[in-house]
Amino acid sequence: MKQEKFEDSYNYKLWHSSEHVLAQALVELYPGKIKPAVAHIDEDGFANDAQWEKPPVIEDIEKIEKKMKEIIDRDLMIRKEVVTYKKAKEIFKDNPFKLEWLEEISKTDKEISLYWTGDTYVDLCKGPHVEKTGEIKAFKLLTIGGAYWRADEKNEMLTRIYGVAFKTQEELEDYLRRLEEAKTRDHRKLGKELDLFVFSEIVGKGLPLWTPRGATVRRELERFIVDEELRRGYLHVYTPAIARIQLYEKSGHYPYYKDSMYAPIVDEDERFMLRPMTCPHH
């Protein structure tokens, strides 16, 4: 049986529509003081990136949720409209983020897809969505953070609001319960509390420096894994972390990974690459 893609699922539609409701709530609450930039929808929930005149604080969440609930209770129709590039530019003339997206879209598409929530809020969007806002039975805004426009630190820092939505209140409550449980097992929390590792800005984000306690735990885990693999009949080999670039060309990896790999190491007439994966060496 073919597994349904997340993008084709009802949850995707629900979360996508919830993001539009969030964006509409922001525009209605802060008219002229906010410019929605882009939506993010994935299996963890939805998020809205926007430019704020005055960035919100966590205490604003309740007010935004109240406005979202009001929009949901209106049971507004969510409908698609296809327009010309010229008309889309006129609609979004005061939003530089939408204009930038439009410029890119127009290179490949002659017609622009929009989605209206009711008769007042419209956004650049290909969908899909639920039919009406009233289908959003339970939702929760989780946190507020920052994100660079188009994930480029050279660009403006925008405000990102994260949220989730579900078909029932029971599903939402179950999700929030599991979220709280996960916080108690968060490696960042445990690492600090148990003195396992530390981080340093000068080393880099997400690059742990293991303390003696952490190194001991790590070493014991590594020993356990090796012993368990040997017990189950696995054989270990070691291969170099770099190889001549020709190996990855022959294996077919190089064309797919070259843009995200480190620059080649040049030694006289030879070029070596840090391996993208170990399989070409076997």
Protein backbone atom coordinates (compact mmCIF):
# COMPACT_ATOMS: atom_id res chain seq x y z
CA MET A 1 0.00 0.00 0.00
CA LYS A 2 1.43 3.36 -1.06
CA GLN A 3 2.08 5.68 1.88
CA GLU A 4 0.38 9.07 1.69
CA LYS A 5 2.72 12.03 1.39
CA PHE A 6 2.43 14.58 4.18
CA GLU A 7 1.76 17.32 1.59
CA ASP A 8 -1.33 15.38 0.46
CA SER A 9 -2.67 14.71 3.96
CA TYR A 10 -5.55 16.40 5.74
CA ASN A 11 -3.18 17.48 8.51
CA TYR A 12 -1.13 19.44 5.98
CA LYS A 13 -4.27 21.23 4.78
CA LEU A 14 -5.31 21.90 8.37
CA TRP A 15 -1.93 23.31 9.40
CA HIS A 16 -1.58 25.29 6.19
CA SER A 17 -5.00 26.88 6.72
CA SER A 18 -4.16 27.55 10.38
CA GLU A 19 -1.11 29.53 9.28
CA HIS A 20 -3.30 31.66 7.02
CA VAL A 21 -5.64 32.28 9.96
CA LEU A 22 -2.62 33.27 12.06
CA ALA A 23 -1.40 35.70 9.39
CA GLN A 24 -4.89 37.19 9.06
CA ALA A 25 -5.14 37.57 12.83
CA LEU A 26 -1.85 39.46 12.90
CA VAL A 27 -2.90 41.79 10.10
CA GLU A 28 -6.25 42.50 11.80
CA LEU A 29 -4.69 43.04 15.23
CA TYR A 30 -1.80 45.20 14.05
CA PRO A 31 -2.97 47.00 10.88
CA GLY A 32 -0.12 48.72 9.05
CA LYS A 33 2.42 47.50 11.62
CA ILE A 34 3.15 44.04 10.26
CA LYS A 35 4.11 42.56 6.89
CA PRO A 36 3.65 38.78 6.53
CA ALA A 37 6.62 37.31 4.69
CA VAL A 38 6.40 33.53 4.37
CA ALA A 39 4.71 30.46 5.83
CA HIS A 40 6.36 27.22 6.94
CA ILE A 41 4.41 23.96 7.08
CA ASP A 42 5.99 20.65 8.07
CA GLU A 43 5.26 17.59 10.17
CA ASP A 44 6.05 19.53 13.36
CA GLY A 45 3.42 22.20 12.78
CA PHE A 46 3.10 25.59 11.11
CA ALA A 47 4.95 28.88 11.43
CA ASN A 48 4.62 32.42 10.17
CA ASP A 49 7.53 34.74 9.45
CA ALA A 50 6.69 38.43 9.42
CA GLN A 51 8.24 41.86 9.70
CA TRP A 52 6.98 43.65 12.80
CA GLU A 53 7.17 47.34 13.59
CA LYS A 54 7.51 46.31 17.24
CA PRO A 55 8.34 42.60 17.77
CA PRO A 56 5.81 40.71 19.92
CA VAL A 57 6.56 39.09 23.23
CA ILE A 58 5.32 35.76 24.56
CA GLU A 59 2.56 37.57 26.49
CA ASP A 60 1.01 38.60 23.15
CA ILE A 61 0.28 34.96 22.30
CA GLU A 62 -3.03 34.93 24.18
CA LYS A 63 -4.29 38.00 22.33
CA ILE A 64 -3.30 36.54 18.95
CA GLU A 65 -4.97 33.21 19.77
CA LYS A 66 -8.16 35.03 20.73
CA LYS A 67 -8.25 36.79 17.36
CA MET A 68 -7.56 33.50 15.56
CA LYS A 69 -10.48 31.88 17.40
CA GLU A 70 -12.68 34.76 16.28
CA ILE A 71 -11.69 34.21 12.63
CA ILE A 72 -12.27 30.46 12.95
CA ASP A 73 -15.72 31.06 14.45
CA ARG A 74 -16.63 33.19 11.43
CA ASP A 75 -16.35 29.96 9.41
CA LEU A 76 -14.85 31.86 6.47
CA MET A 77 -14.56 30.25 3.06
CA ILE A 78 -10.97 29.61 1.94
CA ARG A 79 -10.93 29.95 -1.83
CA LYS A 80 -8.37 29.95 -4.60
CA GLU A 81 -7.99 32.68 -7.20
CA VAL A 82 -5.61 32.65 -10.16
CA VAL A 83 -4.48 36.10 -11.32
CA THR A 84 -1.96 37.69 -13.64
CA TYR A 85 1.47 38.76 -12.44
CA LYS A 86 0.42 42.39 -12.94
CA LYS A 87 -2.65 42.04 -10.71
CA ALA A 88 -0.68 40.17 -8.04
CA LYS A 89 1.90 42.97 -7.98
CA GLU A 90 -0.87 45.49 -7.42
CA ILE A 91 -2.36 43.42 -4.57
CA PHE A 92 0.98 43.07 -2.77
CA LYS A 93 2.49 46.43 -3.75
CA ASP A 94 3.12 47.39 -0.10
CA ASN A 95 4.79 44.09 0.86
CA PRO A 96 8.43 43.79 -0.32
CA PHE A 97 8.62 40.12 0.71
CA LYS A 98 5.65 39.10 -1.44
CA LEU A 99 7.00 41.19 -4.34
CA GLU A 100 10.30 39.33 -4.12
CA TRP A 101 8.48 35.98 -4.22
CA LEU A 102 6.39 37.20 -7.15
CA GLU A 103 9.49 38.12 -9.09
CA GLU A 104 10.76 34.56 -8.76
CA ILE A 105 7.42 32.90 -9.46
CA SER A 106 6.92 34.97 -12.61
CA LYS A 107 10.06 33.45 -14.15
CA THR A 108 8.34 30.06 -14.43
CA ASP A 109 4.61 30.73 -14.04
CA LYS A 110 2.51 33.11 -16.11
CA GLU A 111 -0.38 32.90 -13.68
CA ILE A 112 -0.18 33.48 -9.93
CA SER A 113 -2.09 31.37 -7.40
CA LEU A 114 -3.65 33.19 -4.44
CA TYR A 115 -5.82 32.03 -1.55
CA TRP A 116 -8.46 34.21 0.08
CA THR A 117 -9.70 33.73 3.64
CA GLY A 118 -13.10 35.37 3.50
CA ASP A 119 -13.12 38.58 1.46
CA THR A 120 -10.43 40.59 3.22
CA TYR A 121 -7.26 38.51 3.65
CA VAL A 122 -5.31 37.14 0.69
CA ASP A 123 -1.89 35.50 0.39
CA LEU A 124 0.41 34.09 -2.26
CA CYS A 125 -0.17 30.36 -2.05
CA LYS A 126 -0.52 27.16 -4.08
CA GLY A 127 -2.54 25.39 -1.38
CA PRO A 128 -4.04 23.01 -0.55
CA HIS A 129 -6.37 24.12 2.24
CA VAL A 130 -9.46 23.05 4.13
CA GLU A 131 -12.69 24.52 2.77
CA LYS A 132 -13.58 26.75 5.72
CA THR A 133 -11.84 28.15 8.79
CA GLY A 134 -14.45 26.42 10.96
CA GLU A 135 -12.76 23.09 10.25
CA ILE A 136 -9.93 24.12 12.58
CA LYS A 137 -11.29 22.66 15.82
CA ALA A 138 -8.24 22.96 18.07
CA PHE A 139 -5.00 24.93 17.81
CA LYS A 140 -2.21 26.32 19.94
CA LEU A 141 0.54 28.86 19.36
CA LEU A 142 3.68 27.47 20.93
CA THR A 143 6.43 30.04 20.88
CA ILE A 144 7.93 33.15 19.29
CA GLY A 145 11.39 33.23 17.76
CA GLY A 146 13.49 34.89 15.09
CA ALA A 147 14.43 33.86 11.58
CA TYR A 148 16.37 35.53 8.80
CA TRP A 149 14.47 36.27 5.62
CA ARG A 150 15.11 33.32 3.29
CA ALA A 151 17.41 31.77 5.93
CA ASP A 152 20.23 34.15 5.00
CA GLU A 153 21.95 35.93 7.88
CA LYS A 154 22.73 38.83 5.55
CA ASN A 155 19.01 39.52 5.31
CA GLU A 156 16.60 41.09 7.77
CA MET A 157 15.69 39.24 10.95
CA LEU A 158 11.96 38.47 10.99
CA THR A 159 9.69 37.30 13.80
CA ARG A 160 8.56 33.68 13.59
CA ILE A 161 5.50 32.39 15.46
CA TYR A 162 5.10 28.61 15.75
CA GLY A 163 1.86 26.69 16.20
CA VAL A 164 -0.01 23.42 15.79
CA ALA A 165 -3.61 22.51 14.98
CA PHE A 166 -5.69 19.35 15.25
CA LYS A 167 -9.07 17.92 14.29
CA THR A 168 -10.10 17.54 17.94
CA GLN A 169 -9.33 19.09 21.32
CA GLU A 170 -8.33 15.63 22.59
CA GLU A 171 -5.60 15.36 19.93
CA LEU A 172 -4.28 18.79 20.87
CA GLU A 173 -4.18 17.96 24.58
CA ASP A 174 -2.40 14.67 23.86
CA TYR A 175 0.18 16.52 21.75
CA LEU A 176 0.80 19.14 24.45
CA ARG A 177 1.21 16.39 27.07
CA ARG A 178 3.80 14.61 24.93
CA LEU A 179 5.54 17.93 24.31
CA GLU A 180 5.93 18.50 28.05
CA GLU A 181 7.28 14.97 28.50
CA ALA A 182 9.81 15.55 25.73
CA LYS A 183 11.09 18.69 27.47
CA THR A 184 12.18 16.59 30.44
CA ARG A 185 14.32 14.50 28.06
CA ASP A 186 15.72 17.42 26.07
CA HIS A 187 19.45 16.78 25.57
CA ARG A 188 20.23 20.49 26.01
CA LYS A 189 18.54 20.49 29.42
CA LEU A 190 20.06 17.18 30.52
CA GLY A 191 23.49 18.09 29.21
CA LYS A 192 23.59 21.16 31.42
CA GLU A 193 21.96 19.60 34.49
CA LEU A 194 24.15 16.47 34.41
CA ASP A 195 27.34 18.28 33.35
CA LEU A 196 27.73 16.19 30.17
CA PHE A 197 28.72 18.83 27.64
CA VAL A 198 28.95 22.58 27.07
CA PHE A 199 28.75 24.88 24.07
CA SER A 200 30.91 27.81 23.04
CA GLU A 201 29.99 30.56 20.59
CA ILE A 202 33.55 30.68 19.29
CA VAL A 203 33.43 26.94 18.51
CA GLY A 204 30.02 27.11 16.83
CA LYS A 205 26.33 26.39 17.39
CA GLY A 206 25.42 22.76 17.91
CA LEU A 207 29.04 21.66 18.39
CA PRO A 208 29.32 20.14 21.88
CA LEU A 209 32.45 20.10 24.01
CA TRP A 210 32.24 16.95 26.13
CA THR A 211 33.11 17.25 29.81
CA PRO A 212 34.85 14.35 31.62
CA ARG A 213 31.44 13.11 32.82
CA GLY A 214 29.97 13.37 29.33
CA ALA A 215 33.00 11.74 27.74
CA THR A 216 32.61 8.78 30.12
CA VAL A 217 28.92 8.34 29.22
CA ARG A 218 29.73 8.62 25.52
CA ARG A 219 32.58 6.11 25.76
CA GLU A 220 30.39 3.59 27.59
CA LEU A 221 27.69 3.93 24.93
CA GLU A 222 30.25 3.46 22.16
CA ARG A 223 31.60 0.34 23.87
CA PHE A 224 28.10 -1.05 24.29
CA ILE A 225 27.31 -0.49 20.60
CA VAL A 226 30.55 -2.12 19.42
CA ASP A 227 30.12 -5.11 21.75
CA GLU A 228 26.50 -5.56 20.66
CA GLU A 229 27.43 -5.43 16.97
CA LEU A 230 30.18 -8.02 17.46
CA ARG A 231 27.78 -10.23 19.43
CA ARG A 232 25.39 -10.12 16.49
CA GLY A 233 28.06 -11.11 13.98
CA TYR A 234 28.96 -7.76 12.46
CA LEU A 235 32.53 -7.19 11.25
CA HIS A 236 34.20 -3.80 11.61
CA VAL A 237 36.45 -2.09 9.09
CA TYR A 238 37.99 1.37 8.98
CA THR A 239 38.17 3.56 5.88
CA PRO A 240 39.76 6.99 5.37
CA ALA A 241 37.76 10.16 5.90
CA ILE A 242 38.99 11.55 2.57
CA ALA A 243 39.56 10.11 -0.89
CA ARG A 244 40.45 11.22 -4.40
CA ILE A 245 37.63 13.07 -6.07
CA GLN A 246 37.56 10.44 -8.83
CA LEU A 247 36.12 7.90 -6.36
CA TYR A 248 33.02 10.02 -5.78
CA GLU A 249 32.70 10.75 -9.49
CA LYS A 250 32.77 7.02 -10.21
CA SER A 251 30.27 6.22 -7.44
CA GLY A 252 27.92 8.91 -8.75
CA HIS A 253 27.87 10.89 -5.49
CA TYR A 254 29.89 13.90 -6.62
CA PRO A 255 27.34 15.59 -8.95
CA TYR A 256 24.70 15.46 -6.19
CA TYR A 257 26.87 16.52 -3.26
CA LYS A 258 29.47 18.86 -4.78
CA ASP A 259 27.53 22.04 -3.97
CA SER A 260 27.16 21.12 -0.28
CA MET A 261 30.58 19.50 0.25
CA TYR A 262 33.69 21.18 1.59
CA ALA A 263 36.13 22.52 -0.97
CA PRO A 264 38.64 19.96 -2.31
CA ILE A 265 41.98 19.45 -0.58
CA VAL A 266 44.65 19.98 -3.23
CA ASP A 267 47.95 18.07 -2.89
CA GLU A 268 50.23 18.71 -5.87
CA ASP A 269 48.17 17.42 -8.82
CA GLU A 270 45.71 15.41 -6.73
CA ARG A 271 42.34 16.61 -5.41
CA PHE A 272 40.83 14.98 -2.33
CA MET A 273 37.35 15.33 -0.85
CA LEU A 274 36.00 14.83 2.65
CA ARG A 275 33.69 11.87 2.11
CA PRO A 276 29.94 12.63 1.94
CA MET A 277 29.24 9.04 3.03
CA THR A 278 31.19 5.84 3.63
CA CYS A 279 29.67 3.48 1.06
CA PRO A 280 31.99 4.40 -1.88
CA HIS A 281 34.95 3.17 0.21
CA HIS A 282 33.61 -0.38 0.60
